[in-house]
């Protein structure tokens, strides 16, 4: 079952989201962005942290239903390839 991102991922809730994800590490192999509407660059921080943790365990993050804005943001920050969005 994929890990569902919430509607909003901003600086105010990103730390709790990161912790929630790490508590559900097996689900992080597939992260579904279908609900994601309101976000800033802090979403990249949490996705990269999860990716790092998964890579340490020999796994990879897979993002589904990625909003165009997130793909553009990842490209601007130079991390699209790291998240499989390039």
N, C-alpha and C. Protein backbone atom coordinates (compact mmCIF):
# COMPACT_ATOMS: atom_id res chain seq x y z
N UNK A 1 0.85 -1.18 0.00
CA UNK A 1 0.00 0.00 0.00
C UNK A 1 0.89 1.24 0.00
N UNK A 2 0.63 2.19 -0.87
CA UNK A 2 1.49 3.38 -0.94
C UNK A 2 1.29 4.33 0.24
N UNK A 3 2.28 5.15 0.46
CA UNK A 3 2.19 6.20 1.46
C UNK A 3 1.57 7.41 0.78
N UNK A 4 0.46 7.89 1.29
CA UNK A 4 -0.24 9.03 0.70
C UNK A 4 0.23 10.34 1.31
N UNK A 5 0.69 11.24 0.45
CA UNK A 5 1.02 12.58 0.94
C UNK A 5 -0.27 13.33 1.23
N UNK A 6 -0.25 14.21 2.22
CA UNK A 6 -1.45 14.99 2.52
C UNK A 6 -1.68 16.09 1.47
N UNK A 7 -2.77 16.79 1.59
CA UNK A 7 -3.10 17.89 0.67
C UNK A 7 -2.05 18.99 0.76
N UNK A 8 -1.57 19.26 1.97
CA UNK A 8 -0.63 20.36 2.18
C UNK A 8 0.67 19.86 2.81
N UNK A 9 1.79 20.22 2.20
CA UNK A 9 3.10 19.94 2.77
C UNK A 9 3.88 21.24 2.72
N UNK A 10 3.94 21.88 3.88
CA UNK A 10 4.64 23.15 4.00
C UNK A 10 5.53 23.10 5.23
N UNK A 11 6.26 24.14 5.43
CA UNK A 11 7.23 24.18 6.52
C UNK A 11 6.60 23.84 7.88
N UNK A 12 5.35 24.19 8.07
CA UNK A 12 4.69 23.96 9.35
C UNK A 12 4.46 22.48 9.68
N UNK A 13 4.32 21.63 8.67
CA UNK A 13 4.01 20.23 8.96
C UNK A 13 5.04 19.24 8.42
N UNK A 14 6.11 19.73 7.82
CA UNK A 14 7.05 18.83 7.16
C UNK A 14 7.80 17.92 8.13
N UNK A 15 8.15 18.40 9.30
CA UNK A 15 8.88 17.57 10.26
C UNK A 15 8.03 16.40 10.74
N UNK A 16 6.76 16.65 11.02
CA UNK A 16 5.87 15.58 11.45
C UNK A 16 5.64 14.59 10.32
N UNK A 17 5.51 15.10 9.10
CA UNK A 17 5.33 14.23 7.95
C UNK A 17 6.55 13.32 7.77
N UNK A 18 7.74 13.88 7.92
CA UNK A 18 8.95 13.07 7.78
C UNK A 18 8.96 11.94 8.81
N UNK A 19 8.63 12.26 10.05
CA UNK A 19 8.58 11.25 11.11
C UNK A 19 7.53 10.18 10.80
N UNK A 20 6.35 10.61 10.36
CA UNK A 20 5.28 9.66 10.02
C UNK A 20 5.74 8.70 8.93
N UNK A 21 6.42 9.24 7.94
CA UNK A 21 6.93 8.41 6.86
C UNK A 21 7.95 7.41 7.33
N UNK A 22 8.87 7.85 8.16
CA UNK A 22 9.91 6.96 8.65
C UNK A 22 9.35 5.85 9.53
N UNK A 23 8.22 6.11 10.17
CA UNK A 23 7.55 5.07 10.96
C UNK A 23 6.86 4.04 10.06
N UNK A 24 6.67 4.40 8.80
CA UNK A 24 6.01 3.52 7.82
C UNK A 24 6.95 3.25 6.65
N UNK A 25 8.19 2.96 6.95
CA UNK A 25 9.23 2.84 5.94
C UNK A 25 8.87 1.91 4.77
N UNK A 26 8.28 0.74 5.00
CA UNK A 26 7.95 -0.12 3.84
C UNK A 26 7.00 0.58 2.85
N UNK A 27 6.09 1.40 3.35
CA UNK A 27 5.14 2.10 2.47
C UNK A 27 5.82 3.18 1.64
N UNK A 28 6.98 3.65 2.08
CA UNK A 28 7.65 4.75 1.38
C UNK A 28 8.23 4.33 0.04
N UNK A 29 8.28 3.05 -0.23
CA UNK A 29 8.77 2.62 -1.55
C UNK A 29 7.89 3.18 -2.65
N UNK A 30 6.61 3.40 -2.33
CA UNK A 30 5.68 4.04 -3.27
C UNK A 30 4.98 5.18 -2.54
N UNK A 31 5.24 6.40 -2.97
CA UNK A 31 4.62 7.59 -2.37
C UNK A 31 3.64 8.16 -3.39
N UNK A 32 2.38 8.23 -3.01
CA UNK A 32 1.33 8.73 -3.89
C UNK A 32 1.07 10.20 -3.60
N UNK A 33 1.21 11.02 -4.61
CA UNK A 33 1.04 12.48 -4.49
C UNK A 33 -0.34 12.94 -4.94
N UNK A 34 -1.28 12.03 -5.10
CA UNK A 34 -2.60 12.35 -5.66
C UNK A 34 -3.31 13.47 -4.88
N UNK A 35 -3.14 13.52 -3.57
CA UNK A 35 -3.81 14.53 -2.74
C UNK A 35 -3.05 15.84 -2.66
N UNK A 36 -1.80 15.85 -3.04
CA UNK A 36 -0.92 17.00 -2.85
C UNK A 36 -1.35 18.19 -3.71
N UNK A 37 -1.73 19.27 -3.06
CA UNK A 37 -2.18 20.48 -3.75
C UNK A 37 -1.39 21.71 -3.32
N UNK A 38 -1.14 21.85 -2.04
CA UNK A 38 -0.49 23.03 -1.48
C UNK A 38 0.86 22.61 -0.91
N UNK A 39 1.95 23.08 -1.53
CA UNK A 39 3.27 22.68 -1.05
C UNK A 39 4.30 23.72 -1.45
N UNK A 40 5.41 23.66 -0.74
CA UNK A 40 6.56 24.50 -1.05
C UNK A 40 7.78 23.59 -1.14
N UNK A 41 8.95 24.18 -1.21
CA UNK A 41 10.16 23.38 -1.40
C UNK A 41 10.45 22.44 -0.24
N UNK A 42 9.80 22.62 0.89
CA UNK A 42 10.02 21.71 2.02
C UNK A 42 9.59 20.28 1.68
N UNK A 43 8.68 20.11 0.73
CA UNK A 43 8.28 18.76 0.32
C UNK A 43 9.48 18.02 -0.28
N UNK A 44 10.35 18.75 -0.96
CA UNK A 44 11.56 18.12 -1.52
C UNK A 44 12.46 17.62 -0.41
N UNK A 45 12.55 18.37 0.66
CA UNK A 45 13.38 17.98 1.80
C UNK A 45 12.95 16.64 2.37
N UNK A 46 11.65 16.49 2.56
CA UNK A 46 11.16 15.24 3.15
C UNK A 46 11.28 14.09 2.17
N UNK A 47 11.01 14.32 0.90
CA UNK A 47 11.16 13.25 -0.09
C UNK A 47 12.61 12.80 -0.21
N UNK A 48 13.53 13.74 -0.18
CA UNK A 48 14.95 13.39 -0.24
C UNK A 48 15.41 12.64 1.01
N UNK A 49 14.89 13.02 2.17
CA UNK A 49 15.23 12.33 3.41
C UNK A 49 14.74 10.88 3.36
N UNK A 50 13.53 10.69 2.87
CA UNK A 50 13.00 9.33 2.73
C UNK A 50 13.80 8.54 1.71
N UNK A 51 14.16 9.18 0.60
CA UNK A 51 14.96 8.51 -0.42
C UNK A 51 16.30 8.05 0.16
N UNK A 52 16.92 8.91 0.94
CA UNK A 52 18.21 8.57 1.55
C UNK A 52 18.08 7.36 2.47
N UNK A 53 17.03 7.34 3.27
CA UNK A 53 16.80 6.23 4.19
C UNK A 53 16.53 4.93 3.42
N UNK A 54 15.73 5.01 2.38
CA UNK A 54 15.45 3.83 1.57
C UNK A 54 16.72 3.32 0.88
N UNK A 55 17.51 4.23 0.34
CA UNK A 55 18.75 3.82 -0.33
C UNK A 55 19.70 3.13 0.64
N UNK A 56 19.72 3.58 1.88
CA UNK A 56 20.57 2.94 2.89
C UNK A 56 20.16 1.49 3.12
N UNK A 57 18.89 1.20 2.85
CA UNK A 57 18.36 -0.16 2.97
C UNK A 57 18.32 -0.89 1.62
N UNK A 58 18.97 -0.31 0.60
CA UNK A 58 19.03 -0.93 -0.71
C UNK A 58 17.74 -0.83 -1.51
N UNK A 59 16.91 0.16 -1.18
CA UNK A 59 15.63 0.33 -1.87
C UNK A 59 15.58 1.69 -2.54
N UNK A 60 14.50 1.95 -3.24
CA UNK A 60 14.33 3.19 -4.00
C UNK A 60 12.92 3.72 -3.80
N UNK A 61 12.79 5.04 -3.76
CA UNK A 61 11.47 5.66 -3.68
C UNK A 61 10.86 5.73 -5.07
N UNK A 62 9.56 5.55 -5.13
CA UNK A 62 8.82 5.68 -6.39
C UNK A 62 7.66 6.63 -6.14
N UNK A 63 7.61 7.70 -6.91
CA UNK A 63 6.55 8.70 -6.75
C UNK A 63 5.47 8.49 -7.81
N UNK A 64 4.22 8.54 -7.37
CA UNK A 64 3.08 8.38 -8.27
C UNK A 64 2.22 9.63 -8.25
N UNK A 65 1.52 9.87 -9.35
CA UNK A 65 0.58 10.99 -9.45
C UNK A 65 1.22 12.32 -9.04
N UNK A 66 2.39 12.56 -9.58
CA UNK A 66 3.18 13.74 -9.23
C UNK A 66 2.61 14.97 -9.94
N UNK A 67 2.27 16.02 -9.18
CA UNK A 67 1.81 17.25 -9.82
C UNK A 67 2.93 17.89 -10.64
N UNK A 68 2.55 18.50 -11.74
CA UNK A 68 3.51 19.17 -12.62
C UNK A 68 4.37 20.17 -11.83
N UNK A 69 3.75 20.89 -10.92
CA UNK A 69 4.47 21.89 -10.12
C UNK A 69 5.61 21.24 -9.32
N UNK A 70 5.38 20.04 -8.82
CA UNK A 70 6.42 19.36 -8.05
C UNK A 70 7.57 18.94 -8.96
N UNK A 71 7.26 18.48 -10.14
CA UNK A 71 8.30 18.10 -11.10
C UNK A 71 9.14 19.32 -11.47
N UNK A 72 8.48 20.44 -11.72
CA UNK A 72 9.19 21.68 -12.05
C UNK A 72 10.05 22.13 -10.88
N UNK A 73 9.50 22.09 -9.68
CA UNK A 73 10.24 22.50 -8.48
C UNK A 73 11.48 21.63 -8.28
N UNK A 74 11.33 20.34 -8.45
CA UNK A 74 12.47 19.42 -8.31
C UNK A 74 13.53 19.71 -9.37
N UNK A 75 13.10 20.06 -10.56
CA UNK A 75 14.05 20.40 -11.63
C UNK A 75 14.80 21.69 -11.31
N UNK A 76 14.08 22.69 -10.84
CA UNK A 76 14.70 23.98 -10.49
C UNK A 76 15.74 23.79 -9.39
N UNK A 77 15.45 22.95 -8.43
CA UNK A 77 16.38 22.70 -7.32
C UNK A 77 17.45 21.66 -7.67
N UNK A 78 17.36 21.09 -8.86
CA UNK A 78 18.37 20.14 -9.31
C UNK A 78 18.30 18.76 -8.68
N UNK A 79 17.11 18.37 -8.20
CA UNK A 79 16.97 17.07 -7.54
C UNK A 79 15.98 16.15 -8.25
N UNK A 80 15.53 16.53 -9.42
CA UNK A 80 14.53 15.72 -10.13
C UNK A 80 15.06 14.31 -10.40
N UNK A 81 16.28 14.21 -10.82
CA UNK A 81 16.86 12.89 -11.10
C UNK A 81 16.95 12.03 -9.85
N UNK A 82 17.30 12.64 -8.73
CA UNK A 82 17.41 11.90 -7.46
C UNK A 82 16.07 11.31 -7.04
N UNK A 83 14.99 11.96 -7.45
CA UNK A 83 13.65 11.50 -7.07
C UNK A 83 12.96 10.73 -8.19
N UNK A 84 13.69 10.45 -9.26
CA UNK A 84 13.11 9.71 -10.37
C UNK A 84 12.12 10.52 -11.19
N UNK A 85 12.29 11.84 -11.21
CA UNK A 85 11.35 12.70 -11.92
C UNK A 85 11.95 13.27 -13.21
N UNK A 86 13.17 12.90 -13.52
CA UNK A 86 13.83 13.47 -14.72
C UNK A 86 13.57 12.62 -15.94
